[in-house]
Amino acid sequence: MDFLNQILRVPLDQLPFFLITLLIAFTVHEFSHAYFANKFGDPTAKLLGRVTLNPAVHFDLLGIILLLIAGFGWARPVPVNRDNFSKPRTMGVVVSIAGPLSNLLLGILGAFIYVVLLRFGVIPHLLMDGNSKISIALHTFFGMFIYMNFFLFLFNLIPLPPLDGYRILEDIVPRRMLGKLQQFESWSIIIFLVILVVPFMQRYTIAPLYNLAYSWSGNIISFFNMLFYR
């Protein structure tokens, strides 16, 4: 157990909640890409069986292992052929942003369900005496679910490959700049890896996203609390 705690980025007692959160967040994220791509006329994802909420087709084992150990990872990317879209750039933006937006919506939905369960006493408030292990587990899960989905929304909008933010940038920059942007793509990937693995860089790149996601979590829970308790 001590060995696992040393190599994992997530405390062992929180690992089940982390994995369940990723299971839902990654599945809905990739499904959203696939759904809109198919809706706009590109059957690539559908032919590969990706227009589904079955987590097995979206998960990448290596990506999950690295996420647990190194703190960064990935799901299995959804292949998209923009040439099949009637409006490739406009529809490309929608397909790219659909994934991050699905995480934003999951975070908001998770906060709403959490506050409803608190409001009707299904989950006792955390500060109340006599909280059962199940209640504490639910508090932990919802806290992680809301926070992680907000973080994934923000993280995936970073305009560096292979993230969705870069694909959005490709579709919105003037066409005359597209060639120059693609010339720097290999360097952008290196920059992306540096900001993920170098602690000094993380302090100014990834850490602020974690802090913002945490702040959003508290604010959205407070907002729904205000609606129910005013």
Protein backbone atom coordinates (compact mmCIF):
# COMPACT_ATOMS: atom_id res chain seq x y z
CA MET A 1 0.00 0.00 0.00
CA ASP A 2 2.83 2.43 0.86
CA PHE A 3 4.44 1.68 -2.51
CA LEU A 4 1.21 2.51 -4.37
CA ASN A 5 0.77 5.74 -2.41
CA GLN A 6 4.28 6.73 -3.42
CA ILE A 7 3.85 6.19 -7.16
CA LEU A 8 0.24 7.34 -7.60
CA ARG A 9 -0.71 10.99 -7.96
CA VAL A 10 -4.07 10.26 -6.32
CA PRO A 11 -4.36 9.11 -2.68
CA LEU A 12 -5.25 5.43 -2.59
CA ASP A 13 -8.43 6.01 -0.58
CA GLN A 14 -9.66 8.43 -3.28
CA LEU A 15 -8.66 6.28 -6.25
CA PRO A 16 -12.10 4.67 -6.82
CA PHE A 17 -13.78 8.09 -6.98
CA PHE A 18 -11.07 9.36 -9.32
CA LEU A 19 -11.49 6.41 -11.69
CA ILE A 20 -15.30 6.69 -11.72
CA THR A 21 -15.00 10.41 -12.46
CA LEU A 22 -12.63 9.75 -15.36
CA LEU A 23 -14.87 6.94 -16.62
CA ILE A 24 -17.78 9.36 -16.93
CA ALA A 25 -15.85 12.49 -17.93
CA PHE A 26 -13.72 10.90 -20.66
CA THR A 27 -16.61 8.86 -22.07
CA VAL A 28 -18.98 11.82 -22.37
CA HIS A 29 -16.18 14.03 -23.71
CA GLU A 30 -15.23 11.67 -26.55
CA PHE A 31 -18.85 10.76 -27.26
CA SER A 32 -19.63 14.46 -27.72
CA HIS A 33 -16.90 14.81 -30.34
CA ALA A 34 -18.13 11.70 -32.16
CA TYR A 35 -21.82 12.65 -31.95
CA PHE A 36 -21.43 16.09 -33.49
CA ALA A 37 -18.97 14.90 -36.13
CA ASN A 38 -21.51 12.29 -37.25
CA LYS A 39 -24.34 14.82 -37.02
CA PHE A 40 -22.46 17.16 -39.35
CA GLY A 41 -21.89 14.49 -41.99
CA ASP A 42 -18.63 12.76 -41.06
CA PRO A 43 -19.35 9.04 -40.50
CA THR A 44 -15.74 8.18 -39.51
CA ALA A 45 -16.39 7.96 -35.78
CA LYS A 46 -19.68 6.12 -36.26
CA LEU A 47 -18.05 3.51 -38.50
CA LEU A 48 -15.47 2.92 -35.78
CA GLY A 49 -18.17 2.49 -33.14
CA ARG A 50 -17.35 5.72 -31.30
CA VAL A 51 -20.83 7.26 -31.22
CA THR A 52 -21.59 5.46 -27.98
CA LEU A 53 -21.50 5.97 -24.23
CA ASN A 54 -19.74 2.64 -23.78
CA PRO A 55 -16.54 3.58 -21.87
CA ALA A 56 -14.61 0.59 -23.24
CA VAL A 57 -14.32 2.10 -26.73
CA HIS A 58 -13.09 5.49 -25.48
CA PHE A 59 -10.54 4.51 -22.83
CA ASP A 60 -6.83 4.21 -23.55
CA LEU A 61 -5.12 2.00 -20.96
CA LEU A 62 -1.71 3.66 -21.29
CA GLY A 63 -3.28 7.11 -21.04
CA ILE A 64 -5.06 6.18 -17.81
CA ILE A 65 -1.95 4.59 -16.27
CA LEU A 66 0.11 7.70 -17.06
CA LEU A 67 -2.61 9.90 -15.62
CA LEU A 68 -2.46 7.99 -12.34
CA ILE A 69 1.34 7.97 -12.17
CA ALA A 70 2.55 11.06 -14.00
CA GLY A 71 -0.47 13.32 -13.55
CA PHE A 72 -1.30 13.59 -17.26
CA GLY A 73 -2.91 11.18 -19.69
CA TRP A 74 -5.57 10.86 -22.36
CA ALA A 75 -8.58 8.99 -23.66
CA ARG A 76 -8.64 7.45 -27.14
CA PRO A 77 -8.99 10.39 -29.60
CA VAL A 78 -12.00 10.45 -31.89
CA PRO A 79 -10.94 10.57 -35.58
CA VAL A 80 -12.60 13.41 -37.46
CA ASN A 81 -12.46 14.08 -41.20
CA ARG A 82 -13.41 17.74 -41.65
CA ASP A 83 -13.58 17.29 -45.44
CA ASN A 84 -16.94 15.59 -44.90
CA PHE A 85 -18.45 18.74 -43.34
CA SER A 86 -20.43 21.15 -45.51
CA LYS A 87 -18.81 24.00 -43.54
CA PRO A 88 -15.50 22.46 -42.41
CA ARG A 89 -14.18 25.32 -40.28
CA THR A 90 -17.43 26.28 -38.52
CA MET A 91 -18.49 22.70 -37.91
CA GLY A 92 -14.91 21.81 -36.93
CA VAL A 93 -15.06 24.39 -34.14
CA VAL A 94 -18.34 22.94 -32.86
CA VAL A 95 -17.00 19.37 -32.93
CA SER A 96 -13.79 20.41 -31.14
CA ILE A 97 -15.48 22.48 -28.44
CA ALA A 98 -18.22 19.88 -27.84
CA GLY A 99 -15.86 17.76 -25.72
CA PRO A 100 -14.75 20.48 -23.29
CA LEU A 101 -18.29 21.88 -23.08
CA SER A 102 -19.58 18.43 -22.12
CA ASN A 103 -17.20 18.48 -19.14
CA LEU A 104 -18.37 21.95 -18.15
CA LEU A 105 -21.98 20.76 -18.26
CA LEU A 106 -21.11 17.61 -16.29
CA GLY A 107 -19.51 19.77 -13.59
CA ILE A 108 -22.61 21.99 -13.38
CA LEU A 109 -24.94 18.98 -13.39
CA GLY A 110 -22.86 17.26 -10.70
CA ALA A 111 -23.05 20.37 -8.50
CA PHE A 112 -26.82 20.58 -8.99
CA ILE A 113 -27.37 16.92 -8.07
CA TYR A 114 -25.06 17.27 -5.06
CA VAL A 115 -26.97 20.26 -3.69
CA VAL A 116 -30.34 18.57 -4.32
CA LEU A 117 -29.18 15.49 -2.38
CA LEU A 118 -28.02 17.75 0.45
CA ARG A 119 -31.22 19.77 0.39
CA PHE A 120 -33.46 16.73 0.77
CA GLY A 121 -31.25 15.03 3.34
CA VAL A 122 -30.17 12.13 1.15
CA ILE A 123 -26.58 13.11 1.97
CA PRO A 124 -26.10 14.66 5.45
CA HIS A 125 -23.99 17.82 5.52
CA LEU A 126 -20.31 17.01 5.94
CA LEU A 127 -20.00 18.96 9.21
CA MET A 128 -22.85 17.08 10.88
CA ASP A 129 -21.99 14.50 13.52
CA GLY A 130 -22.53 10.85 12.76
CA ASN A 131 -21.78 10.94 9.05
CA SER A 132 -21.56 7.37 7.76
CA LYS A 133 -18.75 6.12 5.56
CA ILE A 134 -21.22 6.11 2.65
CA SER A 135 -22.05 9.77 3.22
CA ILE A 136 -18.38 10.72 3.40
CA ALA A 137 -17.74 8.72 0.23
CA LEU A 138 -20.53 10.58 -1.58
CA HIS A 139 -19.15 13.96 -0.45
CA THR A 140 -15.71 12.92 -1.71
CA PHE A 141 -17.04 11.66 -5.04
CA PHE A 142 -19.14 14.72 -5.83
CA GLY A 143 -16.36 17.08 -4.81
CA MET A 144 -13.92 15.29 -7.11
CA PHE A 145 -16.45 14.89 -9.93
CA ILE A 146 -17.33 18.59 -10.03
CA TYR A 147 -13.76 19.78 -9.67
CA MET A 148 -12.23 17.39 -12.23
CA ASN A 149 -14.82 18.15 -14.88
CA PHE A 150 -14.23 21.89 -14.53
CA PHE A 151 -10.49 21.27 -14.73
CA LEU A 152 -10.87 19.11 -17.86
CA PHE A 153 -12.94 21.87 -19.47
CA LEU A 154 -10.21 24.45 -18.83
CA PHE A 155 -7.28 22.13 -19.60
CA ASN A 156 -8.63 20.99 -22.96
CA LEU A 157 -8.99 24.60 -24.11
CA ILE A 158 -5.22 25.18 -23.93
CA PRO A 159 -4.31 26.07 -27.54
CA LEU A 160 -1.53 23.51 -27.89
CA PRO A 161 -1.64 20.15 -29.71
CA PRO A 162 -3.03 17.61 -29.17
CA LEU A 163 -5.70 19.42 -27.14
CA ASP A 164 -9.08 20.62 -28.39
CA GLY A 165 -8.05 24.24 -27.92
CA TYR A 166 -5.47 23.85 -30.68
CA ARG A 167 -8.00 22.34 -33.08
CA ILE A 168 -10.33 25.27 -32.38
CA LEU A 169 -7.45 27.67 -33.04
CA GLU A 170 -6.74 25.93 -36.37
CA ASP A 171 -10.31 26.53 -37.46
CA ILE A 172 -10.58 30.18 -36.43
CA VAL A 173 -7.24 31.68 -37.51
CA PRO A 174 -7.14 33.30 -40.98
CA ARG A 175 -6.27 30.78 -43.68
CA ARG A 176 -3.07 32.66 -44.53
CA MET A 177 -1.80 31.96 -41.01
CA LEU A 178 -2.72 28.28 -41.01
CA GLY A 179 0.48 27.15 -42.74
CA LYS A 180 2.68 29.01 -40.24
CA LEU A 181 0.67 27.58 -37.35
CA GLN A 182 1.15 24.04 -38.62
CA GLN A 183 4.89 24.63 -39.09
CA PHE A 184 5.23 25.18 -35.36
CA GLU A 185 3.02 22.21 -34.43
CA SER A 186 5.93 19.88 -33.55
CA TRP A 187 7.46 22.57 -31.32
CA SER A 188 4.06 23.19 -29.73
CA ILE A 189 3.87 19.55 -28.68
CA ILE A 190 7.25 19.88 -26.97
CA ILE A 191 6.07 23.05 -25.19
CA PHE A 192 2.94 21.19 -24.11
CA LEU A 193 5.00 18.36 -22.58
CA VAL A 194 7.30 20.85 -20.83
CA ILE A 195 4.44 22.64 -19.09
CA LEU A 196 3.10 19.27 -17.95
CA VAL A 197 6.25 17.74 -16.49
CA VAL A 198 8.46 20.65 -15.37
CA PRO A 199 7.38 21.73 -11.84
CA PHE A 200 8.49 25.34 -12.37
CA MET A 201 6.33 25.62 -15.48
CA GLN A 202 3.40 23.85 -13.84
CA ARG A 203 3.32 26.60 -11.22
CA TYR A 204 2.44 29.16 -13.90
CA THR A 205 0.44 27.03 -16.33
CA ILE A 206 -1.38 24.01 -14.89
CA ALA A 207 -1.59 25.10 -11.23
CA PRO A 208 -3.70 28.20 -12.02
CA LEU A 209 -6.15 25.95 -13.89
CA TYR A 210 -6.45 23.69 -10.85
CA ASN A 211 -7.05 26.73 -8.66
CA LEU A 212 -9.65 28.15 -11.05
CA ALA A 213 -11.45 24.79 -11.27
CA TYR A 214 -11.50 24.59 -7.47
CA SER A 215 -12.87 28.12 -7.26
CA TRP A 216 -15.57 27.36 -9.83
CA SER A 217 -16.57 24.25 -7.87
CA GLY A 218 -17.13 26.25 -4.71
CA ASN A 219 -18.93 29.04 -6.55
CA ILE A 220 -21.36 26.79 -8.43
CA ILE A 221 -22.21 24.83 -5.27
CA SER A 222 -22.77 28.12 -3.43
CA PHE A 223 -24.98 29.34 -6.29
CA PHE A 224 -27.22 26.27 -6.19
CA ASN A 225 -27.29 26.41 -2.38
CA MET A 226 -28.48 30.01 -2.60
CA LEU A 227 -31.30 28.97 -4.95
CA PHE A 228 -32.49 26.21 -2.63
CA TYR A 229 -32.02 27.90 0.74
CA ARG A 230 -33.03 31.49 0.15
